[in-house]
Amino acid sequence: MTDTASGSGASGIVKAAPALLGSLRLPADKSVGQRALLFTAMGSGTAEITLDRPGEDVFSMASALQTLGAVRSIDTDADGIVRVLVKGGGTPKAASLRGNGGETLDCGNAGTTMRLLTGALAGRPGTATLIGDDSLSGRPMERVARPLRSAGADVTTTDGHAPVVIRGRRPLSATDHELAVASAQVIGCLTLAALAARGTTTITVPGPTRDHTERMLAWLGAPVRREGPVTTVQGPAGFAVRSMRVPGDISSAAGWLIAGALHPDAHIIIEDVGLNPSRTGIIDVLRDMGADIKVASDGPTDDCPEPVGTITVDGGNPLHAIDLHGDRVDDIIDELPLIAVAMAAAEGVSTLSDAAELRVKESDRIALVVENLRAIGAHAEEREDGWVISRGAPRDAAIRTDGDHRVAMSFAIAALTGVAGTVTIDDPDCAAVSYPTFWTDMERLIR
């Protein structure tokens, strides 16, 4: 059980649960939610975006767009449902998505907000400075600034990091981008800039990535197409907005899928969750390890471009080791700290490689996950681009998170399922970045 108060995470003390039973509806997907708000601000017309208990990253985007004059109201009902009214700026030449000029936009901890705003503002008039918290300020921003400059944008970073200064220009030049890193945030940034460019822009990546940007823009009627590793954008172009309901976040579901798979007495149902094929790699990994998981998809709906459905997981099946590498890693990059916990419970030796991107997330997740796995008694070895993990003897531990929400939730799940002894999370409230109701949802499942 958890030693929490009012779902805040309080002391962050977690111990093994007797059973995990019940159903959950999860907070709005932060990747989809941030895009829904920004793309509506860039389109023509006014629309309402509906989000169930969104995390802090979504509010970072909403706040930035409010400063820019696009968000007209934010209303939250008694159940935590948030409705954001957004007025779009119209064509790529419109100036309304820029406030009064010279704004400083605080992106908080949200890398998606910072990188997508950089692309959106690069081709629109006005100057903006994007800042973030200490964690975000340590993340690489030249990976978006450099290709934007090749399209004629005026983007300046601070030694490769935030603050990022954008001096909007129009029109930008259509460019053929070939990216060294398969990053959905970089693709999204360049796609938004390409909507303000003259001609056909192509963006080619070396491996699979999430397709939320391309899927949503196409749903809105923008001339954006994704075929395999290539995204094509025909600019300059505008599009009409549509009201949208954002589904539950499958990355938040991942914790309960792993908890359900690891606990011998578990039956957990996740309802109304996004099932984008580029995000369901976590299900495939757990099934390959032996987990009992069932999925029922309802497909996209009139008010959501993403497929949505229900996932059910039952415990009791022993898990076995897995080797993860290559393209498969890109689909599960956010879930890897949780998968590390499953590896620590599995029979055999598991490995991860080709995941160097973990070192430039909200923390150095390779180093931090390995450190905490050792603390809870697992056998773990750090590699430059991954780790080697096998089962150990569970023990009590203090968990260092460095403010990383994924790390905090992963090691709470480890304790909840007996992979660890009793743990004390040093910053339990950081879970709110993506999952503000994580601790209360945990209490709902404990029997």
Protein backbone atom coordinates (compact mmCIF):
# COMPACT_ATOMS: atom_id res chain seq x y z
CA MET A 1 0.00 0.00 0.00
CA THR A 2 1.05 3.61 -0.37
CA ASP A 3 1.55 6.15 2.39
CA THR A 4 -0.07 9.01 0.55
CA ALA A 5 -2.36 11.91 1.31
CA SER A 6 -5.08 13.26 -0.99
CA GLY A 7 -3.40 11.57 -3.96
CA SER A 8 -0.45 13.98 -3.85
CA GLY A 9 2.15 11.27 -3.36
CA ALA A 10 2.88 12.70 0.12
CA SER A 11 5.75 10.67 1.59
CA GLY A 12 5.98 8.41 -1.47
CA ILE A 13 6.31 5.23 0.59
CA VAL A 14 5.14 2.18 -1.38
CA LYS A 15 4.98 -1.49 -0.37
CA ALA A 16 3.63 -4.66 -1.95
CA ALA A 17 -0.15 -4.87 -2.50
CA PRO A 18 -2.14 -8.02 -1.61
CA ALA A 19 -4.00 -7.76 -4.94
CA LEU A 20 -4.53 -5.29 -7.81
CA LEU A 21 -8.11 -5.31 -9.07
CA GLY A 22 -10.31 -2.79 -10.87
CA SER A 23 -10.76 -0.52 -13.86
CA LEU A 24 -9.26 2.88 -14.63
CA ARG A 25 -9.70 5.78 -17.03
CA LEU A 26 -6.39 7.54 -17.47
CA PRO A 27 -5.39 11.20 -17.80
CA ALA A 28 -5.36 12.65 -21.30
CA ASP A 29 -2.46 11.63 -23.52
CA LYS A 30 0.09 14.41 -23.16
CA SER A 31 1.57 13.90 -26.63
CA VAL A 32 -1.83 14.15 -28.28
CA GLY A 33 -3.08 16.89 -25.94
CA GLN A 34 -0.20 19.28 -26.57
CA ARG A 35 -0.56 18.82 -30.32
CA ALA A 36 -4.33 19.28 -30.24
CA LEU A 37 -3.97 22.65 -28.51
CA LEU A 38 -1.16 23.93 -30.74
CA PHE A 39 -2.59 22.75 -34.05
CA THR A 40 -5.94 24.34 -33.20
CA ALA A 41 -4.12 27.61 -32.48
CA MET A 42 -2.52 27.39 -35.94
CA GLY A 43 -5.72 26.62 -37.85
CA SER A 44 -8.76 28.66 -38.92
CA GLY A 45 -11.71 28.95 -36.58
CA THR A 46 -12.49 28.25 -32.93
CA ALA A 47 -12.65 24.81 -31.33
CA GLU A 48 -12.86 23.19 -27.91
CA ILE A 49 -10.29 20.63 -26.78
CA THR A 50 -11.51 18.26 -24.04
CA LEU A 51 -8.99 16.53 -21.78
CA ASP A 52 -9.50 14.24 -18.79
CA ARG A 53 -7.28 15.33 -15.85
CA PRO A 54 -4.32 16.39 -18.02
CA GLY A 55 -0.78 16.51 -16.69
CA GLU A 56 1.46 19.52 -16.22
CA ASP A 57 2.98 19.30 -19.72
CA VAL A 58 -0.42 19.95 -21.31
CA PHE A 59 -0.92 23.00 -19.11
CA SER A 60 2.53 24.25 -20.16
CA MET A 61 1.35 24.27 -23.78
CA ALA A 62 -1.98 25.86 -22.84
CA SER A 63 -0.23 28.59 -20.86
CA ALA A 64 2.14 29.40 -23.71
CA LEU A 65 -0.74 29.61 -26.17
CA GLN A 66 -2.67 31.81 -23.75
CA THR A 67 0.27 34.23 -23.73
CA LEU A 68 0.21 34.16 -27.53
CA GLY A 69 -3.48 35.06 -27.56
CA ALA A 70 -4.84 31.76 -28.88
CA VAL A 71 -6.33 30.19 -25.73
CA ARG A 72 -9.50 32.07 -24.78
CA SER A 73 -10.62 30.06 -21.75
CA ILE A 74 -9.70 27.03 -19.63
CA ASP A 75 -12.51 25.46 -17.59
CA THR A 76 -12.25 22.47 -15.25
CA ASP A 77 -15.30 20.63 -13.90
CA ALA A 78 -15.68 18.74 -10.62
CA ASP A 79 -14.47 15.50 -12.23
CA GLY A 80 -11.25 17.05 -13.50
CA ILE A 81 -12.40 17.28 -17.12
CA VAL A 82 -10.66 20.28 -18.68
CA ARG A 83 -12.14 22.15 -21.65
CA VAL A 84 -9.88 24.57 -23.48
CA LEU A 85 -11.38 27.03 -25.97
CA VAL A 86 -8.84 27.87 -28.66
CA LYS A 87 -9.13 30.44 -31.44
CA GLY A 88 -6.91 29.71 -34.41
CA GLY A 89 -4.73 32.23 -36.18
CA GLY A 90 -5.84 31.26 -39.66
CA THR A 91 -3.34 31.10 -42.50
CA PRO A 92 0.41 30.70 -41.97
CA LYS A 93 0.76 34.42 -42.70
CA ALA A 94 -1.55 35.43 -39.86
CA ALA A 95 -0.03 37.34 -36.97
CA SER A 96 -2.52 36.43 -34.25
CA LEU A 97 -0.43 33.54 -32.92
CA ARG A 98 2.16 35.89 -31.47
CA GLY A 99 0.58 38.00 -28.72
CA ASN A 100 2.06 41.51 -28.66
CA GLY A 101 5.54 40.48 -29.76
CA GLY A 102 8.66 39.65 -27.78
CA GLU A 103 6.97 37.12 -25.48
CA THR A 104 8.82 34.85 -23.11
CA LEU A 105 7.06 31.49 -23.08
CA ASP A 106 7.69 29.15 -20.15
CA CYS A 107 7.52 25.54 -21.35
CA GLY A 108 8.03 24.07 -17.87
CA ASN A 109 9.24 20.48 -18.17
CA ALA A 110 7.64 19.90 -21.59
CA GLY A 111 10.10 19.12 -24.37
CA THR A 112 7.20 18.60 -26.77
CA THR A 113 5.88 22.09 -26.04
CA MET A 114 9.27 23.71 -26.60
CA ARG A 115 10.19 21.85 -29.77
CA LEU A 116 6.78 22.10 -31.44
CA LEU A 117 6.42 25.79 -30.60
CA THR A 118 9.84 26.42 -32.12
CA GLY A 119 8.62 25.03 -35.43
CA ALA A 120 5.22 26.70 -35.26
CA LEU A 121 6.68 30.15 -34.57
CA ALA A 122 9.60 29.93 -37.00
CA GLY A 123 7.43 30.83 -39.99
CA ARG A 124 5.18 33.43 -38.35
CA PRO A 125 5.92 37.09 -37.65
CA GLY A 126 7.17 38.12 -34.24
CA THR A 127 9.87 37.20 -31.75
CA ALA A 128 9.55 34.77 -28.86
CA THR A 129 11.91 33.33 -26.26
CA LEU A 130 11.23 29.82 -25.01
CA ILE A 131 12.44 28.88 -21.53
CA GLY A 132 12.02 25.78 -19.35
CA ASP A 133 12.82 24.29 -15.98
CA ASP A 134 16.29 23.00 -15.09
CA SER A 135 15.60 19.59 -16.61
CA LEU A 136 14.27 20.94 -19.91
CA SER A 137 17.09 23.49 -20.06
CA GLY A 138 19.55 20.61 -20.15
CA ARG A 139 17.96 18.88 -23.14
CA PRO A 140 19.35 19.27 -26.70
CA MET A 141 17.62 21.91 -28.84
CA GLU A 142 20.04 22.18 -31.75
CA ARG A 143 18.41 19.03 -33.13
CA VAL A 144 15.45 21.25 -34.08
CA ALA A 145 17.25 24.57 -34.51
CA ARG A 146 19.80 23.31 -37.04
CA PRO A 147 17.34 21.90 -39.62
CA LEU A 148 15.07 24.92 -39.16
CA ARG A 149 17.98 27.20 -40.09
CA SER A 150 18.49 25.19 -43.26
CA ALA A 151 14.93 26.20 -44.20
CA GLY A 152 15.72 29.87 -43.59
CA ALA A 153 14.47 30.19 -40.02
CA ASP A 154 16.12 32.48 -37.47
CA VAL A 155 16.46 30.29 -34.37
CA THR A 156 19.11 30.76 -31.68
CA THR A 157 19.86 28.39 -28.81
CA THR A 158 21.97 28.92 -25.70
CA ASP A 159 24.96 26.62 -26.10
CA GLY A 160 22.65 24.14 -27.78
CA HIS A 161 19.96 24.35 -25.11
CA ALA A 162 17.16 26.62 -23.89
CA PRO A 163 16.53 29.49 -23.79
CA VAL A 164 15.60 29.34 -27.48
CA VAL A 165 14.94 32.60 -29.35
CA ILE A 166 12.78 32.50 -32.50
CA ARG A 167 12.53 35.48 -34.82
CA GLY A 168 9.75 34.52 -37.18
CA ARG A 169 10.28 34.80 -40.92
CA ARG A 170 8.05 34.19 -43.90
CA PRO A 171 8.08 32.45 -46.17
CA LEU A 172 10.49 29.72 -45.19
CA SER A 173 12.10 27.53 -47.83
CA ALA A 174 10.98 24.01 -48.63
CA THR A 175 13.76 21.61 -47.67
CA ASP A 176 14.57 17.91 -47.80
CA HIS A 177 15.52 17.00 -44.25
CA GLU A 178 17.34 13.76 -43.44
CA LEU A 179 17.43 13.27 -39.67
CA ALA A 180 20.09 11.32 -37.82
CA VAL A 181 17.72 10.58 -34.91
CA ALA A 182 14.20 9.18 -35.25
CA SER A 183 12.36 11.74 -33.10
CA ALA A 184 8.65 12.50 -33.30
CA GLN A 185 9.25 15.88 -31.66
CA VAL A 186 11.76 16.88 -34.35
CA ILE A 187 9.48 15.66 -37.13
CA GLY A 188 6.60 17.61 -35.59
CA CYS A 189 8.68 20.77 -35.32
CA LEU A 190 9.81 20.61 -38.95
CA THR A 191 6.33 19.71 -40.18
CA LEU A 192 4.80 22.79 -38.55
CA ALA A 193 7.51 25.01 -40.01
CA ALA A 194 6.96 23.42 -43.44
CA LEU A 195 3.32 24.57 -43.40
CA ALA A 196 4.75 28.10 -43.67
CA ALA A 197 7.28 27.20 -46.39
CA ARG A 198 6.89 27.60 -50.14
CA GLY A 199 6.99 24.23 -51.88
CA THR A 200 7.29 20.59 -50.90
CA THR A 201 9.20 19.66 -47.75
CA THR A 202 10.25 16.09 -47.00
CA ILE A 203 11.44 14.75 -43.65
CA THR A 204 13.16 11.36 -43.66
CA VAL A 205 14.01 9.48 -40.47
CA PRO A 206 16.19 6.39 -39.92
CA GLY A 207 13.59 4.41 -38.00
CA PRO A 208 9.95 4.28 -36.83
CA THR A 209 8.50 7.13 -34.75
CA ARG A 210 5.17 8.17 -33.33
CA ASP A 211 2.88 9.64 -35.99
CA HIS A 212 0.60 11.85 -33.86
CA THR A 213 1.56 15.01 -35.77
CA GLU A 214 0.96 13.61 -39.24
CA ARG A 215 -2.20 11.77 -38.22
CA MET A 216 -3.80 14.80 -36.55
CA LEU A 217 -2.85 17.33 -39.23
CA ALA A 218 -4.20 15.05 -41.98
CA TRP A 219 -7.43 14.64 -39.95
CA LEU A 220 -7.68 18.44 -39.87
CA GLY A 221 -7.24 18.62 -43.64
CA ALA A 222 -3.64 19.84 -43.82
CA PRO A 223 -1.52 18.62 -46.79
CA VAL A 224 0.66 16.35 -44.68
CA ARG A 225 1.37 12.73 -45.57
CA ARG A 226 3.40 10.01 -43.87
CA GLU A 227 4.62 7.04 -45.91
CA GLY A 228 7.06 4.77 -44.13
CA PRO A 229 10.07 6.81 -42.97
CA VAL A 230 9.13 9.89 -45.04
CA THR A 231 6.81 12.75 -44.08
CA THR A 232 5.80 15.09 -46.91
CA VAL A 233 4.34 18.58 -46.44
CA GLN A 234 3.04 20.87 -49.19
CA GLY A 235 3.21 24.53 -48.19
CA PRO A 236 2.23 27.16 -47.56
CA ALA A 237 -1.03 25.77 -46.28
CA GLY A 238 -3.72 26.36 -43.71
CA PHE A 239 -6.50 24.14 -42.37
CA ALA A 240 -9.81 24.34 -40.52
CA VAL A 241 -9.99 23.42 -36.85
CA ARG A 242 -12.23 20.78 -35.24
CA SER A 243 -13.25 20.25 -31.65
CA MET A 244 -11.40 17.28 -30.24
CA ARG A 245 -11.51 14.85 -27.31
CA VAL A 246 -8.09 13.58 -26.24
CA PRO A 247 -7.92 9.87 -25.25
CA GLY A 248 -6.19 8.40 -22.21
CA ASP A 249 -2.41 8.13 -22.30
CA ILE A 250 -1.06 4.67 -23.11
CA SER A 251 2.29 5.62 -21.59
CA SER A 252 0.43 6.09 -18.30
CA ALA A 253 -1.37 2.80 -18.91
CA ALA A 254 2.02 1.09 -19.23
CA GLY A 255 2.58 1.20 -15.47
CA TRP A 256 -0.65 -0.66 -14.78
CA LEU A 257 -0.03 -3.14 -17.61
CA ILE A 258 3.31 -4.01 -16.03
CA ALA A 259 1.82 -4.05 -12.53
CA GLY A 260 -0.91 -6.40 -13.72
CA ALA A 261 1.56 -8.65 -15.52
CA LEU A 262 3.89 -8.88 -12.51
CA HIS A 263 1.40 -9.29 -9.67
CA PRO A 264 0.13 -12.86 -9.18
CA ASP A 265 -3.34 -11.63 -8.13
CA ALA A 266 -4.20 -8.90 -10.63
CA HIS A 267 -7.05 -8.09 -13.01
CA ILE A 268 -6.84 -4.54 -14.37
CA ILE A 269 -8.96 -2.93 -17.09
CA ILE A 270 -7.84 0.31 -18.78
CA GLU A 271 -10.72 2.08 -20.55
CA ASP A 272 -10.81 4.80 -23.23
CA VAL A 273 -7.07 4.66 -23.88
CA GLY A 274 -5.28 5.72 -27.06
CA LEU A 275 -4.16 2.78 -29.20
CA ASN A 276 -2.07 4.49 -31.86
CA PRO A 277 -0.08 1.66 -33.53
CA SER A 278 3.13 3.65 -33.04
CA ARG A 279 2.54 3.60 -29.27
CA THR A 280 1.42 0.02 -28.59
CA GLY A 281 4.91 -1.48 -28.59
CA ILE A 282 4.66 -1.84 -24.80
CA ILE A 283 1.85 -4.36 -25.28
CA ASP A 284 3.89 -6.38 -27.78
CA VAL A 285 6.92 -6.42 -25.46
CA LEU A 286 4.92 -7.63 -22.47
CA ARG A 287 3.18 -10.29 -24.53
CA ASP A 288 6.56 -11.48 -25.79
CA MET A 289 7.67 -11.76 -22.17
CA GLY A 290 4.63 -13.93 -21.42
CA ALA A 291 2.03 -11.46 -20.10
CA ASP A 292 -1.72 -12.07 -20.53
CA ILE A 293 -3.00 -8.89 -22.21
CA LYS A 294 -6.17 -8.42 -24.29
CA VAL A 295 -6.99 -5.38 -26.46
CA ALA A 296 -10.34 -4.23 -27.88
CA SER A 297 -10.05 -1.27 -30.28
CA ASP A 298 -12.92 1.01 -31.26
CA GLY A 299 -10.87 2.85 -33.91
CA PRO A 300 -10.84 6.64 -34.48
CA THR A 301 -14.04 8.59 -33.78
CA ASP A 302 -15.61 11.78 -35.10
CA ASP A 303 -13.98 13.82 -32.33
CA CYS A 304 -10.61 12.05 -32.14
CA PRO A 305 -8.10 11.14 -34.88
CA GLU A 306 -6.51 8.42 -32.76
CA PRO A 307 -7.74 4.82 -32.37
CA VAL A 308 -9.17 4.30 -28.88
CA GLY A 309 -10.09 1.18 -26.94
CA THR A 310 -9.83 -0.99 -23.83
CA ILE A 311 -6.88 -3.02 -22.51
CA THR A 312 -7.22 -5.85 -19.97
CA VAL A 313 -4.28 -7.46 -18.16
CA ASP A 314 -4.36 -10.49 -15.86
CA GLY A 315 -1.54 -11.56 -13.57
CA GLY A 316 -0.22 -15.01 -12.80
CA ASN A 317 1.86 -15.76 -15.89
CA PRO A 318 5.62 -16.00 -15.24
CA LEU A 319 7.63 -13.54 -17.35
CA HIS A 320 10.80 -14.46 -19.18
CA ALA A 321 13.75 -12.34 -20.31
CA ILE A 322 13.80 -10.29 -23.49
CA ASP A 323 16.40 -8.57 -25.69
CA LEU A 324 15.35 -5.17 -27.05
CA HIS A 325 17.29 -3.35 -29.77
CA GLY A 326 17.01 -1.61 -33.14
CA ASP A 327 13.77 -0.13 -34.45
CA ARG A 328 11.77 -1.77 -31.70
CA VAL A 329 13.26 0.58 -29.11
CA ASP A 330 11.87 3.74 -30.72
CA ASP A 331 8.26 2.66 -30.16
CA ILE A 332 8.77 2.17 -26.41
CA ILE A 333 11.27 4.89 -25.52
CA ASP A 334 9.07 6.43 -22.79
CA GLU A 335 8.11 3.05 -21.34
CA LEU A 336 11.66 1.70 -21.00
CA PRO A 337 12.07 2.58 -17.28
CA LEU A 338 8.93 0.55 -16.58
CA ILE A 339 10.08 -2.28 -18.84
CA ALA A 340 13.30 -2.34 -16.80
CA VAL A 341 11.19 -3.25 -13.77
CA ALA A 342 9.60 -6.12 -15.71
CA MET A 343 13.09 -7.26 -16.74
CA ALA A 344 14.10 -7.29 -13.07
CA ALA A 345 11.22 -9.69 -12.33
CA ALA A 346 11.71 -11.97 -15.35
CA GLU A 347 13.45 -15.34 -15.50
CA GLY A 348 16.79 -14.96 -17.29
CA VAL A 349 18.98 -12.09 -18.43
CA SER A 350 17.40 -9.20 -20.37
CA THR A 351 19.26 -6.64 -22.46
CA LEU A 352 18.55 -3.23 -23.96
CA SER A 353 20.64 -1.53 -26.65
CA ASP A 354 20.24 1.29 -29.23
CA ALA A 355 18.56 3.43 -26.55
CA ALA A 356 21.12 6.22 -26.08
CA GLU A 357 18.24 8.70 -26.39
CA LEU A 358 17.36 7.80 -22.79
CA ARG A 359 20.38 9.80 -21.64
CA VAL A 360 18.83 13.10 -22.82
CA LYS A 361 15.33 12.66 -21.44
CA GLU A 362 14.14 14.38 -18.24
CA SER A 363 17.10 12.66 -16.59
CA ASP A 364 19.87 10.33 -17.70
CA ARG A 365 17.44 7.45 -17.53
CA ILE A 366 20.02 4.77 -18.25
CA ALA A 367 22.20 5.75 -15.30
CA LEU A 368 19.29 6.49 -12.96
CA VAL A 369 17.32 3.32 -13.71
CA VAL A 370 20.39 1.12 -13.23
CA GLU A 371 21.27 2.90 -9.97
CA ASN A 372 17.78 2.39 -8.58
CA LEU A 373 17.53 -1.21 -9.77
CA ARG A 374 20.70 -2.01 -7.86
CA ALA A 375 19.25 -0.23 -4.83
CA ILE A 376 16.16 -2.51 -4.82
CA GLY A 377 18.31 -5.64 -5.14
CA ALA A 378 18.18 -6.39 -8.87
CA HIS A 379 21.27 -7.21 -10.91
CA ALA A 380 21.81 -4.34 -13.36
CA GLU A 381 24.70 -3.22 -15.53
CA GLU A 382 24.86 0.09 -17.35
CA ARG A 383 25.85 0.22 -21.02
CA GLU A 384 26.45 3.27 -23.18
CA ASP A 385 23.17 2.78 -25.02
CA GLY A 386 21.20 0.56 -22.66
CA TRP A 387 21.50 -1.97 -19.85
CA VAL A 388 21.68 -5.63 -18.81
CA ILE A 389 19.20 -6.72 -16.11
CA SER A 390 18.36 -9.90 -14.22
CA ARG A 391 16.41 -10.85 -11.12
CA GLY A 392 17.89 -10.36 -7.66
CA ALA A 393 16.69 -10.45 -4.05
CA PRO A 394 14.16 -7.65 -3.39
CA ARG A 395 15.06 -5.20 -0.64
CA ASP A 396 13.91 -1.88 0.78
CA ALA A 397 15.38 1.22 -0.84
CA ALA A 398 15.31 4.99 -1.13
CA ILE A 399 14.64 5.92 -4.77
CA ARG A 400 16.36 8.90 -6.39
CA THR A 401 14.26 10.37 -9.20
CA ASP A 402 16.04 13.60 -10.18
CA GLY A 403 12.48 14.90 -10.65
CA ASP A 404 11.80 12.41 -13.47
CA HIS A 405 8.16 11.32 -13.49
CA ARG A 406 8.84 8.06 -15.36
CA VAL A 407 11.45 6.98 -12.81
CA ALA A 408 9.19 7.79 -9.85
CA MET A 409 6.28 5.78 -11.22
CA SER A 410 8.45 2.86 -12.35
CA PHE A 411 9.89 2.20 -8.92
CA ALA A 412 6.53 2.67 -7.24
CA ILE A 413 5.30 -0.16 -9.49
CA ALA A 414 8.37 -2.21 -8.53
CA ALA A 415 7.44 -1.99 -4.84
CA LEU A 416 3.71 -2.47 -5.46
CA THR A 417 4.36 -5.79 -7.20
CA GLY A 418 7.10 -7.11 -4.89
CA VAL A 419 9.97 -6.64 -7.34
CA ALA A 420 11.34 -4.32 -4.64
CA GLY A 421 10.83 -4.22 -0.91
CA THR A 422 9.31 -1.07 0.57
CA VAL A 423 10.56 1.99 -1.30
CA THR A 424 10.58 5.69 -0.50
CA ILE A 425 10.31 7.90 -3.59
CA ASP A 426 12.26 11.14 -3.02
CA ASP A 427 9.98 13.30 -5.22
CA PRO A 428 6.61 11.56 -5.59
CA ASP A 429 4.87 14.70 -6.80
CA CYS A 430 6.90 14.74 -10.03
CA ALA A 431 4.50 12.07 -11.35
CA ALA A 432 2.09 14.95 -12.04
CA VAL A 433 4.12 15.95 -15.10
CA SER A 434 2.28 13.26 -17.05
CA TYR A 435 -0.03 11.55 -14.55
CA PRO A 436 -1.45 13.83 -11.83
CA THR A 437 -3.73 11.11 -10.42
CA PHE A 438 -1.14 8.31 -10.36
CA TRP A 439 -1.19 7.89 -6.58
CA THR A 440 -4.98 7.97 -6.23
CA ASP A 441 -5.37 5.51 -9.11
CA MET A 442 -2.88 3.22 -7.35
CA GLU A 443 -5.05 3.29 -4.22
CA ARG A 444 -8.13 2.42 -6.30
CA LEU A 445 -6.52 -0.80 -7.51
CA ILE A 446 -5.11 -2.03 -4.19
CA ARG A 447 -7.21 -4.74 -2.52
